[in-house]
């Protein structure tokens, strides 16, 4: 019988990853705005932080490892994203576990 388990650590790690590139990006942006850093130097740095963040998010949302056996699990199917309000889930066929994250697809009205 398929078990459902919550993986809250996945969401916490994702938020920490975001903080690691968002906070320095805002810091550099603030230095540019307040004239402490030239736009010619600050803008590429901010673009670099945003690019790294997008790459990390793409990797994070498309790769997942089962917490029990360590198998690499596929991302939820694209049609699943059309179901607004549904939770990101990853299924491990080896362990017969559905790992639920604390992330939800946004409502269509958002």
C-alpha atoms as a PDB file:
ATOM      1  CA  UNK A   1       0.000   0.000   0.000  1.00  0.00           C
ATOM      2  CA  UNK A   2       1.345   3.408  -0.971  1.00  0.00           C
ATOM      3  CA  UNK A   3       2.440   5.563   1.941  1.00  0.00           C
ATOM      4  CA  UNK A   4       2.304   9.355   1.967  1.00  0.00           C
ATOM      5  CA  UNK A   5       5.055  11.151   3.847  1.00  0.00           C
ATOM      6  CA  UNK A   6       5.701  14.854   4.328  1.00  0.00           C
ATOM      7  CA  UNK A   7       9.141  16.180   3.523  1.00  0.00           C
ATOM      8  CA  UNK A   8       9.207  19.584   5.202  1.00  0.00           C
ATOM      9  CA  UNK A   9      12.998  19.727   4.975  1.00  0.00           C
ATOM     10  CA  UNK A  10      12.781  20.087   1.197  1.00  0.00           C
ATOM     11  CA  UNK A  11      10.903  23.369   1.545  1.00  0.00           C
ATOM     12  CA  UNK A  12      13.193  24.693   4.272  1.00  0.00           C
ATOM     13  CA  UNK A  13      16.293  23.899   2.203  1.00  0.00           C
ATOM     14  CA  UNK A  14      14.705  25.569  -0.818  1.00  0.00           C
ATOM     15  CA  UNK A  15      14.043  28.755   1.167  1.00  0.00           C
ATOM     16  CA  UNK A  16      17.624  28.764   2.499  1.00  0.00           C
ATOM     17  CA  UNK A  17      18.935  28.377  -1.044  1.00  0.00           C
ATOM     18  CA  UNK A  18      16.820  31.328  -2.150  1.00  0.00           C
ATOM     19  CA  UNK A  19      18.128  33.458   0.719  1.00  0.00           C
ATOM     20  CA  UNK A  20      21.714  32.688  -0.310  1.00  0.00           C
ATOM     21  CA  UNK A  21      21.283  34.470  -3.621  1.00  0.00           C
ATOM     22  CA  UNK A  22      18.453  36.933  -2.939  1.00  0.00           C
ATOM     23  CA  UNK A  23      20.026  38.674   0.067  1.00  0.00           C
ATOM     24  CA  UNK A  24      23.384  39.392  -1.641  1.00  0.00           C
ATOM     25  CA  UNK A  25      21.500  40.453  -4.788  1.00  0.00           C
ATOM     26  CA  UNK A  26      19.457  42.985  -2.818  1.00  0.00           C
ATOM     27  CA  UNK A  27      22.621  44.144  -1.067  1.00  0.00           C
ATOM     28  CA  UNK A  28      24.378  44.844  -4.352  1.00  0.00           C
ATOM     29  CA  UNK A  29      21.219  46.527  -5.687  1.00  0.00           C
ATOM     30  CA  UNK A  30      21.093  48.765  -2.613  1.00  0.00           C
ATOM     31  CA  UNK A  31      24.762  49.703  -3.059  1.00  0.00           C
ATOM     32  CA  UNK A  32      24.024  50.723  -6.657  1.00  0.00           C
ATOM     33  CA  UNK A  33      20.919  52.707  -5.680  1.00  0.00           C
ATOM     34  CA  UNK A  34      22.727  54.606  -2.912  1.00  0.00           C
ATOM     35  CA  UNK A  35      25.724  55.363  -5.134  1.00  0.00           C
ATOM     36  CA  UNK A  36      28.280  53.205  -3.345  1.00  0.00           C
ATOM     37  CA  UNK A  37      28.771  50.985  -6.411  1.00  0.00           C
ATOM     38  CA  UNK A  38      28.630  51.914 -10.091  1.00  0.00           C
ATOM     39  CA  UNK A  39      25.810  50.574 -12.231  1.00  0.00           C
ATOM     40  CA  UNK A  40      28.344  49.124 -14.683  1.00  0.00           C
ATOM     41  CA  UNK A  41      29.676  46.827 -11.948  1.00  0.00           C
ATOM     42  CA  UNK A  42      26.531  46.264  -9.894  1.00  0.00           C
ATOM     43  CA  UNK A  43      24.112  45.347 -12.692  1.00  0.00           C
ATOM     44  CA  UNK A  44      26.130  42.330 -13.946  1.00  0.00           C
ATOM     45  CA  UNK A  45      26.531  41.120 -10.374  1.00  0.00           C
ATOM     46  CA  UNK A  46      22.761  41.285  -9.774  1.00  0.00           C
ATOM     47  CA  UNK A  47      22.121  39.517 -13.105  1.00  0.00           C
ATOM     48  CA  UNK A  48      24.606  36.829 -12.059  1.00  0.00           C
ATOM     49  CA  UNK A  49      22.800  36.283  -8.734  1.00  0.00           C
ATOM     50  CA  UNK A  50      19.426  36.071 -10.491  1.00  0.00           C
ATOM     51  CA  UNK A  51      20.828  33.607 -13.066  1.00  0.00           C
ATOM     52  CA  UNK A  52      22.293  31.399 -10.356  1.00  0.00           C
ATOM     53  CA  UNK A  53      18.984  31.500  -8.500  1.00  0.00           C
ATOM     54  CA  UNK A  54      16.993  30.493 -11.567  1.00  0.00           C
ATOM     55  CA  UNK A  55      19.407  27.627 -12.267  1.00  0.00           C
ATOM     56  CA  UNK A  56      19.232  26.405  -8.663  1.00  0.00           C
ATOM     57  CA  UNK A  57      15.427  26.547  -8.720  1.00  0.00           C
ATOM     58  CA  UNK A  58      15.293  24.601 -11.981  1.00  0.00           C
ATOM     59  CA  UNK A  59      17.557  21.926 -10.536  1.00  0.00           C
ATOM     60  CA  UNK A  60      15.707  21.875  -7.229  1.00  0.00           C
ATOM     61  CA  UNK A  61      12.240  21.496  -8.717  1.00  0.00           C
ATOM     62  CA  UNK A  62      13.267  18.906 -11.318  1.00  0.00           C
ATOM     63  CA  UNK A  63      15.425  16.624  -9.206  1.00  0.00           C
ATOM     64  CA  UNK A  64      14.448  15.009  -5.963  1.00  0.00           C
ATOM     65  CA  UNK A  65      15.963  12.148  -3.999  1.00  0.00           C
ATOM     66  CA  UNK A  66      13.886   9.724  -1.983  1.00  0.00           C
ATOM     67  CA  UNK A  67      14.592  10.276   1.721  1.00  0.00           C
ATOM     68  CA  UNK A  68      14.417   6.538   2.375  1.00  0.00           C
ATOM     69  CA  UNK A  69      16.414   4.875  -0.427  1.00  0.00           C
ATOM     70  CA  UNK A  70      18.136   7.816  -2.142  1.00  0.00           C
ATOM     71  CA  UNK A  71      16.716   7.108  -5.618  1.00  0.00           C
ATOM     72  CA  UNK A  72      16.515  10.058  -7.979  1.00  0.00           C
ATOM     73  CA  UNK A  73      12.853  10.801  -8.649  1.00  0.00           C
ATOM     74  CA  UNK A  74      11.350  12.578 -11.625  1.00  0.00           C
ATOM     75  CA  UNK A  75       9.587  15.885 -11.367  1.00  0.00           C
ATOM     76  CA  UNK A  76       5.793  15.872 -11.238  1.00  0.00           C
ATOM     77  CA  UNK A  77       4.291  15.577 -14.736  1.00  0.00           C
ATOM     78  CA  UNK A  78       3.544  18.805 -16.589  1.00  0.00           C
ATOM     79  CA  UNK A  79      -0.220  18.135 -16.553  1.00  0.00           C
ATOM     80  CA  UNK A  80      -0.062  18.082 -12.748  1.00  0.00           C
ATOM     81  CA  UNK A  81       0.934  21.747 -12.755  1.00  0.00           C
ATOM     82  CA  UNK A  82      -2.394  22.565 -14.421  1.00  0.00           C
ATOM     83  CA  UNK A  83      -4.149  21.436 -11.235  1.00  0.00           C
ATOM     84  CA  UNK A  84      -3.944  24.647  -9.274  1.00  0.00           C
ATOM     85  CA  UNK A  85      -3.736  24.324  -5.525  1.00  0.00           C
ATOM     86  CA  UNK A  86      -2.159  20.843  -5.681  1.00  0.00           C
ATOM     87  CA  UNK A  87       0.946  20.040  -3.687  1.00  0.00           C
ATOM     88  CA  UNK A  88       4.310  19.239  -5.284  1.00  0.00           C
ATOM     89  CA  UNK A  89       4.680  15.489  -4.841  1.00  0.00           C
ATOM     90  CA  UNK A  90       7.340  12.989  -5.835  1.00  0.00           C
ATOM     91  CA  UNK A  91       6.626   9.249  -6.080  1.00  0.00           C
ATOM     92  CA  UNK A  92       9.280   6.612  -5.317  1.00  0.00           C
ATOM     93  CA  UNK A  93       8.286   3.302  -6.944  1.00  0.00           C
ATOM     94  CA  UNK A  94      11.074   1.419  -5.115  1.00  0.00           C
ATOM     95  CA  UNK A  95       9.759   2.355  -1.655  1.00  0.00           C
ATOM     96  CA  UNK A  96       6.118   2.885  -2.738  1.00  0.00           C
ATOM     97  CA  UNK A  97       6.106   6.284  -1.023  1.00  0.00           C
ATOM     98  CA  UNK A  98       4.604   9.554  -2.193  1.00  0.00           C
ATOM     99  CA  UNK A  99       6.746  12.357  -0.807  1.00  0.00           C
ATOM    100  CA  UNK A 100       4.710  15.501  -0.229  1.00  0.00           C
ATOM    101  CA  UNK A 101       6.433  18.858  -0.050  1.00  0.00           C
ATOM    102  CA  UNK A 102       5.085  22.028   1.486  1.00  0.00           C
ATOM    103  CA  UNK A 103       4.949  23.732  -1.929  1.00  0.00           C
ATOM    104  CA  UNK A 104       1.703  24.132  -3.845  1.00  0.00           C
ATOM    105  CA  UNK A 105       0.998  25.036  -7.432  1.00  0.00           C
ATOM    106  CA  UNK A 106      -0.561  28.505  -7.415  1.00  0.00           C
ATOM    107  CA  UNK A 107      -4.250  29.050  -7.996  1.00  0.00           C
ATOM    108  CA  UNK A 108      -5.158  30.207 -11.471  1.00  0.00           C
ATOM    109  CA  UNK A 109      -6.601  33.372  -9.929  1.00  0.00           C
ATOM    110  CA  UNK A 110      -3.275  34.357  -8.274  1.00  0.00           C
END
